[in-house]
Amino acid sequence: MSIDSAAESAKVAGQRATVDSVKVTLGDHEQPKQPITLTFDLSNDPDFYRQISDSVRPLIALDPVKGSPTDYLAPHWDSSAKTLTARTLRLSVFQPILIDIGKVLTDAAHKSVPHLASPPPPCAESSDLDTPTNKLTLTAKKPGPVGGCLKANGDNSIDVDFTSTSPQYYAVESKPAGKFTLQEPPNFSGALASFAYAVAQRPVGLLVPNGKGALQLPAGTTEGSINLDVDPAALQIETILTGVDMLLGEGVVSKVLENALSTPGGAYGCMKTAFASLTDPDKKNLDEFISALGDVGSCASTIAGTAVGDNESQVLHRMGAAISIFTTLPAQLAANIDGIIGEFDDANHLEFTLTGTPKETTPPSTTSAAPSAPDTNNLTLNLSTKRTDNAVGRHRRARPLPDACVR
């Protein structure tokens, strides 16, 4: 085995410091048949190791050609011996680097929750609906990035069709309780949209970024309230995966997630289970959340193993190694993310109120109609004759009229 200096140097998001690269090869230039332990003695690089902290973490970059590593190793840092140790089955060019995950997450949070204004959605302020018995109105407490339009159903129930122009995830709750469904699947074009698709398969009311969903309220509902709150777990995982994607190069996380979430059975079931753990509504505790995130990283590394020869395993290994530096996040980093998200408090909680006004009905009249005036243009006269017997006129013969009376 030979160890030589190398010219390649990594340049990745959040990079704080590096030491010189080294190239490790076997005599016959073959790869080892068993894992080899690499130990980097950094005792002569105080400018490097003094920066290691809760928020600045070491990684070992592999093949940092043109600044973009093909893979990472997650090393163990021994603060007493000042050494970094990692195991690998792949000999290559190695370079210890320091990543400022605080900066990565800050940048990722700003990227996840952009400051750009979006056009208002339909029914951003209010929506009206006439039913046979009521006039219904859905009113937003304050116009925001999500609008709700009322729509009637044939079974005497109503839908609220939500349209979001926000990059955030919203948990949808209503009184009375309704049934929420996505009207269209999220786009798989990006890593986080892929993850959102997995979240959306859970039986919860979750409106995904720039998505559409329908909330069906029970039949006969004329009053109620609907609250939309930014989902903390979904937003945190979005922020962290954005940071991982920035660290690895855009598109890597997307590939892993699309495969993990669309391939049934097999090793990817592990990834699905880990993601489900991350989106558990009860896991709002930071320690539990980070532990679940560690499950994702461990799962990815386990699937890939330490051999990263084929492309798919290499991608998984990169993701697992990158996530590992986020699995012991200090509380102040989470607070930093929360602070960034807090800048958008106006859009973090949205309220809608449903009111109904009964329609006025005219009672039927109880009086009979007055008789109508006769039509003098069309008269029908019915005549009848009756013979009358009397003493004076009995058997009298009719006399002719005088000539003067004849006309």
Protein backbone atom coordinates (compact mmCIF):
# COMPACT_ATOMS: atom_id res chain seq x y z
CA MET A 1 0.00 0.00 0.00
CA SER A 2 1.21 3.49 -0.84
CA ILE A 3 0.09 6.90 0.41
CA ASP A 4 0.86 9.92 -1.75
CA SER A 5 -0.17 13.56 -1.77
CA ALA A 6 -2.88 14.56 -4.24
CA ALA A 7 -3.81 17.82 -5.87
CA GLU A 8 -7.59 17.40 -5.78
CA SER A 9 -9.47 19.55 -3.28
CA ALA A 10 -13.14 19.57 -2.33
CA LYS A 11 -15.36 22.62 -2.50
CA VAL A 12 -18.88 22.02 -1.16
CA ALA A 13 -21.65 23.97 0.52
CA GLY A 14 -20.84 25.07 4.06
CA GLN A 15 -17.18 24.08 3.79
CA ARG A 16 -15.14 25.69 6.55
CA ALA A 17 -11.67 24.12 6.24
CA THR A 18 -9.68 21.32 4.61
CA VAL A 19 -6.34 19.57 4.92
CA ASP A 20 -4.24 18.22 2.08
CA SER A 21 -5.63 15.35 0.03
CA VAL A 22 -3.91 11.97 -0.04
CA LYS A 23 -4.13 9.14 -2.54
CA VAL A 24 -4.14 5.61 -1.13
CA THR A 25 -3.45 2.66 -3.44
CA LEU A 26 -2.52 -0.99 -3.22
CA GLY A 27 0.54 -2.25 -5.02
CA ASP A 28 -1.49 -3.84 -7.80
CA HIS A 29 -4.01 -0.95 -7.88
CA GLU A 30 -6.81 -3.29 -6.87
CA GLN A 31 -9.47 -2.63 -4.28
CA PRO A 32 -9.18 -4.36 -0.89
CA LYS A 33 -11.21 -7.48 -0.20
CA GLN A 34 -11.79 -6.46 3.42
CA PRO A 35 -12.51 -3.04 4.94
CA ILE A 36 -9.42 -0.94 5.60
CA THR A 37 -9.22 1.50 8.50
CA LEU A 38 -7.98 4.98 7.61
CA THR A 39 -6.60 7.18 10.37
CA PHE A 40 -5.77 10.84 9.78
CA ASP A 41 -3.48 12.39 12.38
CA LEU A 42 -4.44 16.07 12.61
CA SER A 43 -2.28 16.98 15.59
CA ASN A 44 -0.17 19.20 13.34
CA ASP A 45 -3.24 21.00 11.94
CA PRO A 46 -4.59 23.03 14.87
CA ASP A 47 -6.29 25.51 12.55
CA PHE A 48 -8.39 22.59 11.34
CA TYR A 49 -9.27 20.64 14.47
CA ARG A 50 -9.87 23.69 16.68
CA GLN A 51 -12.90 24.52 14.55
CA ILE A 52 -14.61 21.18 15.21
CA SER A 53 -17.70 21.78 17.34
CA ASP A 54 -21.36 20.87 17.68
CA SER A 55 -22.15 22.84 14.55
CA VAL A 56 -18.92 22.31 12.57
CA ARG A 57 -18.47 18.64 11.71
CA PRO A 58 -15.77 16.63 9.92
CA LEU A 59 -16.32 14.51 6.82
CA ILE A 60 -13.87 12.70 4.58
CA ALA A 61 -14.42 13.51 0.92
CA LEU A 62 -13.60 10.89 -1.72
CA ASP A 63 -12.35 11.78 -5.20
CA PRO A 64 -12.94 15.53 -4.94
CA VAL A 65 -12.48 15.95 -8.70
CA LYS A 66 -13.19 19.56 -9.74
CA GLY A 67 -14.29 20.23 -6.18
CA SER A 68 -17.23 17.80 -6.21
CA PRO A 69 -16.64 14.61 -4.17
CA THR A 70 -18.07 11.37 -5.50
CA ASP A 71 -18.72 10.11 -1.98
CA TYR A 72 -18.21 10.81 1.71
CA LEU A 73 -17.08 8.85 4.73
CA ALA A 74 -18.47 9.72 8.15
CA PRO A 75 -15.40 9.57 10.43
CA HIS A 76 -15.00 9.23 14.17
CA TRP A 77 -13.26 12.23 15.77
CA ASP A 78 -11.03 11.50 18.75
CA SER A 79 -10.54 14.88 20.39
CA SER A 80 -7.80 13.56 22.70
CA ALA A 81 -5.66 11.89 20.04
CA LYS A 82 -6.62 14.50 17.40
CA THR A 83 -7.38 11.77 14.87
CA LEU A 84 -10.12 11.08 12.33
CA THR A 85 -10.88 7.40 11.72
CA ALA A 86 -13.04 5.77 9.05
CA ARG A 87 -13.38 2.37 7.37
CA THR A 88 -13.68 1.80 3.65
CA LEU A 89 -13.57 -0.87 0.96
CA ARG A 90 -12.80 1.66 -1.71
CA LEU A 91 -9.31 3.13 -2.02
CA SER A 92 -9.23 6.52 -3.63
CA VAL A 93 -8.22 10.13 -3.02
CA PHE A 94 -9.25 11.16 0.49
CA GLN A 95 -9.53 14.64 1.99
CA PRO A 96 -10.73 15.56 5.50
CA ILE A 97 -13.03 18.59 5.38
CA LEU A 98 -15.06 20.57 7.89
CA ILE A 99 -18.70 21.40 7.18
CA ASP A 100 -20.46 24.25 8.96
CA ILE A 101 -23.86 22.62 9.24
CA GLY A 102 -25.20 25.71 10.96
CA LYS A 103 -24.60 27.71 7.80
CA VAL A 104 -25.87 24.88 5.62
CA LEU A 105 -29.12 24.70 7.56
CA THR A 106 -29.53 28.47 7.66
CA ASP A 107 -29.11 28.66 3.90
CA ALA A 108 -31.39 25.66 3.46
CA ALA A 109 -34.08 27.19 5.65
CA HIS A 110 -34.06 30.38 3.61
CA LYS A 111 -34.21 28.27 0.47
CA SER A 112 -37.05 26.16 1.85
CA VAL A 113 -39.06 29.20 2.90
CA PRO A 114 -38.34 31.79 0.20
CA HIS A 115 -39.07 35.47 0.68
CA LEU A 116 -40.49 35.81 -2.82
CA ALA A 117 -44.10 36.97 -2.94
CA SER A 118 -46.52 34.68 -4.73
CA PRO A 119 -49.72 35.67 -6.54
CA PRO A 120 -52.82 35.32 -4.35
CA PRO A 121 -54.65 32.00 -4.64
CA PRO A 122 -58.35 31.72 -5.59
CA CYS A 123 -60.77 32.63 -2.79
CA ALA A 124 -57.97 34.09 -0.67
CA GLU A 125 -60.38 36.35 1.23
CA SER A 126 -63.77 34.63 1.10
CA SER A 127 -66.06 32.28 -0.81
CA ASP A 128 -69.88 32.11 -1.02
CA LEU A 129 -72.16 29.19 -1.80
CA ASP A 130 -75.95 29.05 -2.13
CA THR A 131 -77.66 25.86 -1.01
CA PRO A 132 -81.41 25.17 -1.08
CA THR A 133 -81.73 26.25 2.55
CA ASN A 134 -78.71 28.44 3.37
CA LYS A 135 -76.28 30.97 2.05
CA LEU A 136 -72.83 29.80 3.18
CA THR A 137 -69.76 32.01 3.48
CA LEU A 138 -66.18 30.92 4.16
CA THR A 139 -64.06 33.83 5.36
CA ALA A 140 -60.29 33.95 5.93
CA LYS A 141 -59.25 35.72 9.12
CA LYS A 142 -56.50 37.31 7.05
CA PRO A 143 -55.74 36.70 3.36
CA GLY A 144 -52.71 34.44 3.04
CA PRO A 145 -50.98 32.06 0.63
CA VAL A 146 -53.81 29.50 0.89
CA GLY A 147 -57.32 30.09 -0.41
CA GLY A 148 -60.47 28.03 0.23
CA CYS A 149 -63.38 27.84 -2.23
CA LEU A 150 -66.75 26.35 -1.26
CA LYS A 151 -68.26 23.66 -3.49
CA ALA A 152 -71.52 21.72 -3.10
CA ASN A 153 -71.75 17.94 -3.23
CA GLY A 154 -74.77 15.89 -4.22
CA ASP A 155 -75.09 14.27 -0.78
CA ASN A 156 -75.88 17.57 0.99
CA SER A 157 -72.24 17.92 2.10
CA ILE A 158 -69.84 20.65 1.06
CA ASP A 159 -66.19 20.70 0.06
CA VAL A 160 -63.60 23.36 0.70
CA ASP A 161 -61.16 23.30 -2.19
CA PHE A 162 -57.80 24.60 -0.95
CA THR A 163 -55.13 26.00 -3.27
CA SER A 164 -51.68 26.79 -1.85
CA THR A 165 -49.14 29.15 -3.37
CA SER A 166 -46.80 28.57 -0.41
CA PRO A 167 -43.61 26.47 -0.23
CA GLN A 168 -44.67 25.24 3.20
CA TYR A 169 -46.54 22.16 4.41
CA TYR A 170 -49.85 22.83 6.18
CA ALA A 171 -51.66 20.48 8.56
CA VAL A 172 -55.41 20.89 7.99
CA GLU A 173 -57.83 20.56 10.93
CA SER A 174 -61.51 21.44 11.09
CA LYS A 175 -64.48 21.59 13.46
CA PRO A 176 -66.58 19.64 12.71
CA ALA A 177 -63.96 17.15 11.59
CA GLY A 178 -63.81 16.56 7.85
CA LYS A 179 -62.03 14.29 5.40
CA PHE A 180 -59.04 15.79 3.58
CA THR A 181 -57.70 14.44 0.29
CA LEU A 182 -55.16 15.71 -2.20
CA GLN A 183 -56.71 16.72 -5.50
CA GLU A 184 -53.53 16.01 -7.45
CA PRO A 185 -50.27 14.22 -6.57
CA PRO A 186 -47.26 16.45 -5.91
CA ASN A 187 -44.65 16.75 -8.60
CA PHE A 188 -41.65 14.41 -8.41
CA SER A 189 -39.40 17.00 -10.05
CA GLY A 190 -37.46 17.70 -6.85
CA ALA A 191 -36.23 15.85 -3.80
CA LEU A 192 -38.51 17.55 -1.36
CA ALA A 193 -41.59 17.16 -3.53
CA SER A 194 -40.78 13.45 -3.62
CA PHE A 195 -40.66 13.38 0.15
CA ALA A 196 -43.88 15.36 0.32
CA TYR A 197 -45.53 12.67 -1.78
CA ALA A 198 -44.58 10.09 0.84
CA VAL A 199 -45.92 12.29 3.62
CA ALA A 200 -49.15 12.84 1.70
CA GLN A 201 -49.85 9.11 1.64
CA ARG A 202 -50.38 9.17 5.39
CA PRO A 203 -53.99 9.41 6.57
CA VAL A 204 -53.58 13.00 7.77
CA GLY A 205 -54.75 16.31 6.41
CA LEU A 206 -51.52 17.68 4.98
CA LEU A 207 -51.56 20.30 2.23
CA VAL A 208 -48.25 20.07 0.39
CA PRO A 209 -46.25 23.00 -1.05
CA ASN A 210 -48.01 24.65 -3.99
CA GLY A 211 -50.57 21.86 -3.81
CA LYS A 212 -54.33 21.46 -3.97
CA GLY A 213 -56.58 19.57 -1.59
CA ALA A 214 -60.26 19.17 -0.74
CA LEU A 215 -61.74 19.10 2.76
CA GLN A 216 -65.16 17.42 2.80
CA LEU A 217 -67.32 18.57 5.71
CA PRO A 218 -70.18 16.46 7.10
CA ALA A 219 -73.60 16.70 5.47
CA GLY A 220 -75.70 19.56 6.80
CA THR A 221 -72.73 21.61 8.08
CA THR A 222 -73.54 25.32 8.13
CA GLU A 223 -71.04 26.57 10.72
CA GLY A 224 -67.48 25.65 11.56
CA SER A 225 -63.82 26.60 11.66
CA ILE A 226 -60.77 25.42 9.74
CA ASN A 227 -57.18 25.89 10.92
CA LEU A 228 -54.10 25.45 8.76
CA ASP A 229 -50.77 25.28 10.58
CA VAL A 230 -47.29 24.84 9.19
CA ASP A 231 -46.34 21.23 9.92
CA PRO A 232 -43.14 21.38 12.01
CA ALA A 233 -41.85 17.89 11.26
CA ALA A 234 -42.41 18.22 7.52
CA LEU A 235 -40.78 21.63 7.44
CA GLN A 236 -37.79 20.47 9.49
CA ILE A 237 -37.18 17.44 7.31
CA GLU A 238 -37.55 19.64 4.25
CA THR A 239 -34.93 22.02 5.62
CA ILE A 240 -32.49 19.25 6.53
CA LEU A 241 -32.92 17.37 3.25
CA THR A 242 -32.43 20.65 1.41
CA GLY A 243 -29.18 21.05 3.32
CA VAL A 244 -28.12 17.49 2.48
CA ASP A 245 -28.97 18.11 -1.15
CA MET A 246 -26.90 21.31 -1.13
CA LEU A 247 -24.01 19.39 0.41
CA LEU A 248 -24.17 16.49 -2.03
CA GLY A 249 -25.09 18.43 -5.12
CA GLU A 250 -28.65 19.01 -6.24
CA GLY A 251 -30.38 15.91 -7.51
CA VAL A 252 -28.75 13.28 -5.29
CA VAL A 253 -31.41 13.32 -2.57
CA SER A 254 -34.10 13.39 -5.23
CA LYS A 255 -32.76 10.18 -6.78
CA VAL A 256 -32.61 8.40 -3.44
CA LEU A 257 -36.07 9.47 -2.37
CA GLU A 258 -37.75 8.70 -5.65
CA ASN A 259 -36.30 5.19 -5.60
CA ALA A 260 -37.02 4.66 -1.91
CA LEU A 261 -40.60 5.86 -2.12
CA SER A 262 -41.61 4.27 -5.40
CA THR A 263 -39.94 0.84 -5.17
CA PRO A 264 -42.09 -1.64 -3.21
CA GLY A 265 -40.49 -4.18 -0.90
CA GLY A 266 -36.81 -5.02 -0.81
CA ALA A 267 -34.19 -2.98 0.97
CA TYR A 268 -36.02 0.27 0.28
CA GLY A 269 -38.69 -0.76 2.78
CA CYS A 270 -36.18 0.34 5.39
CA MET A 271 -36.15 3.84 3.92
CA LYS A 272 -39.93 4.00 3.85
CA THR A 273 -40.10 2.99 7.50
CA ALA A 274 -37.53 5.61 8.44
CA PHE A 275 -39.39 8.35 6.58
CA ALA A 276 -42.66 7.30 8.21
CA SER A 277 -40.94 7.68 11.58
CA LEU A 278 -39.82 11.17 10.67
CA THR A 279 -43.36 12.24 9.79
CA ASP A 280 -44.99 10.77 12.88
CA PRO A 281 -47.21 13.59 14.22
CA ASP A 282 -46.11 12.74 17.77
CA LYS A 283 -42.40 13.21 17.00
CA LYS A 284 -42.23 16.94 17.60
CA ASN A 285 -39.57 16.50 20.25
CA LEU A 286 -36.20 17.54 18.84
CA ASP A 287 -34.32 14.52 20.22
CA GLU A 288 -36.84 12.07 18.78
CA PHE A 289 -36.81 13.87 15.48
CA ILE A 290 -33.03 13.81 15.21
CA SER A 291 -33.01 10.16 16.26
CA ALA A 292 -35.42 9.35 13.46
CA LEU A 293 -33.24 11.31 11.07
CA GLY A 294 -30.32 9.18 12.19
CA ASP A 295 -32.37 6.11 11.28
CA VAL A 296 -32.59 7.43 7.72
CA GLY A 297 -28.84 7.94 7.50
CA SER A 298 -28.07 4.59 9.09
CA CYS A 299 -30.58 2.91 6.83
CA ALA A 300 -29.05 4.42 3.71
CA SER A 301 -25.56 3.39 4.77
CA THR A 302 -26.70 -0.12 5.68
CA ILE A 303 -28.38 -0.60 2.32
CA ALA A 304 -25.28 0.60 0.52
CA GLY A 305 -22.82 -1.15 2.81
CA THR A 306 -19.27 0.10 2.83
CA ALA A 307 -18.76 -0.99 -0.76
CA VAL A 308 -19.84 1.83 -3.04
CA GLY A 309 -18.91 0.47 -6.43
CA ASP A 310 -22.25 0.57 -8.24
CA ASN A 311 -23.95 3.89 -8.82
CA GLU A 312 -27.08 3.22 -6.76
CA SER A 313 -25.16 2.08 -3.70
CA GLN A 314 -22.80 5.00 -4.07
CA VAL A 315 -25.68 7.46 -4.06
CA LEU A 316 -27.17 5.86 -0.96
CA HIS A 317 -23.80 5.85 0.76
CA ARG A 318 -23.28 9.54 0.04
CA MET A 319 -26.66 10.38 1.48
CA GLY A 320 -26.12 8.23 4.57
CA ALA A 321 -22.73 9.80 5.26
CA ALA A 322 -24.02 13.32 4.73
CA ILE A 323 -27.04 12.84 6.98
CA SER A 324 -24.82 11.47 9.72
CA ILE A 325 -23.38 14.92 10.42
CA PHE A 326 -26.90 16.21 11.16
CA THR A 327 -27.85 13.48 13.64
CA THR A 328 -26.51 15.20 16.76
CA LEU A 329 -27.83 18.67 16.05
CA PRO A 330 -27.51 20.98 19.04
CA ALA A 331 -30.66 22.72 20.22
CA GLN A 332 -29.38 26.12 19.12
CA LEU A 333 -29.35 24.98 15.49
CA ALA A 334 -32.97 23.93 15.73
CA ALA A 335 -33.73 27.28 17.33
CA ASN A 336 -31.93 28.96 14.46
CA ILE A 337 -34.17 27.17 11.97
CA ASP A 338 -37.24 28.01 14.04
CA GLY A 339 -36.14 31.64 14.07
CA ILE A 340 -35.94 31.73 10.30
CA ILE A 341 -39.33 30.10 10.00
CA GLY A 342 -40.64 32.52 12.60
CA GLU A 343 -40.02 35.40 10.20
CA PHE A 344 -43.10 34.15 8.36
CA ASP A 345 -45.43 34.00 11.36
CA ASP A 346 -48.25 35.64 9.41
CA ALA A 347 -48.35 32.64 7.09
CA ASN A 348 -47.65 29.96 9.69
CA HIS A 349 -51.21 29.90 11.05
CA LEU A 350 -54.23 30.42 8.82
CA GLU A 351 -57.84 30.50 9.99
CA PHE A 352 -61.10 30.17 8.06
CA THR A 353 -64.61 30.58 9.48
CA LEU A 354 -67.73 29.05 7.93
CA THR A 355 -71.06 30.79 8.57
CA GLY A 356 -74.54 30.06 7.26
CA THR A 357 -77.57 32.32 6.87
CA PRO A 358 -80.95 30.59 6.46
CA LYS A 359 -82.85 31.68 3.40
CA GLU A 360 -86.24 33.43 3.90
CA THR A 361 -89.23 31.42 2.67
CA THR A 362 -92.77 32.78 1.84
CA PRO A 363 -95.51 30.74 3.60
CA PRO A 364 -98.45 29.57 1.41
CA SER A 365 -101.64 31.78 1.48
CA THR A 366 -104.66 30.54 3.56
CA THR A 367 -107.38 32.86 1.98
CA SER A 368 -109.46 31.90 -1.08
CA ALA A 369 -109.14 33.92 -4.21
CA ALA A 370 -111.79 36.58 -4.94
CA PRO A 371 -114.13 35.78 -7.82
CA SER A 372 -113.05 37.26 -11.07
CA ALA A 373 -115.12 39.82 -12.95
CA PRO A 374 -117.25 38.45 -15.78
CA ASP A 375 -115.99 38.66 -19.30
CA THR A 376 -118.52 40.86 -21.05
CA ASN A 377 -117.14 40.00 -24.43
CA ASN A 378 -118.19 36.37 -24.14
CA LEU A 379 -121.59 35.98 -22.47
CA THR A 380 -123.66 32.85 -22.60
CA LEU A 381 -127.35 33.20 -21.85
CA ASN A 382 -129.33 30.09 -20.98
CA LEU A 383 -133.07 30.51 -21.36
CA SER A 384 -135.85 28.21 -20.27
CA THR A 385 -139.61 28.43 -20.64
CA LYS A 386 -142.27 27.23 -18.27
CA ARG A 387 -145.91 26.88 -18.91
CA THR A 388 -148.04 28.41 -16.17
CA ASP A 389 -151.69 27.61 -15.64
CA ASN A 390 -153.87 30.36 -14.16
CA ALA A 391 -157.54 31.13 -14.03
CA VAL A 392 -157.37 34.24 -16.13
CA GLY A 393 -155.22 33.08 -18.89
CA ARG A 394 -156.19 29.48 -19.06
CA HIS A 395 -156.82 28.40 -22.63
CA ARG A 396 -156.62 31.99 -23.92
CA ARG A 397 -155.92 32.35 -27.60
CA ALA A 398 -153.23 34.66 -28.60
CA ARG A 399 -154.35 37.82 -30.31
CA PRO A 400 -152.42 39.49 -33.06
CA LEU A 401 -150.81 42.81 -32.30
CA PRO A 402 -152.29 45.98 -33.67
CA ASP A 403 -150.76 47.23 -36.90
CA ALA A 404 -149.27 50.21 -35.11
CA CYS A 405 -147.26 47.91 -32.98
CA VAL A 406 -145.88 45.88 -35.80
CA ARG A 407 -142.31 46.82 -36.72
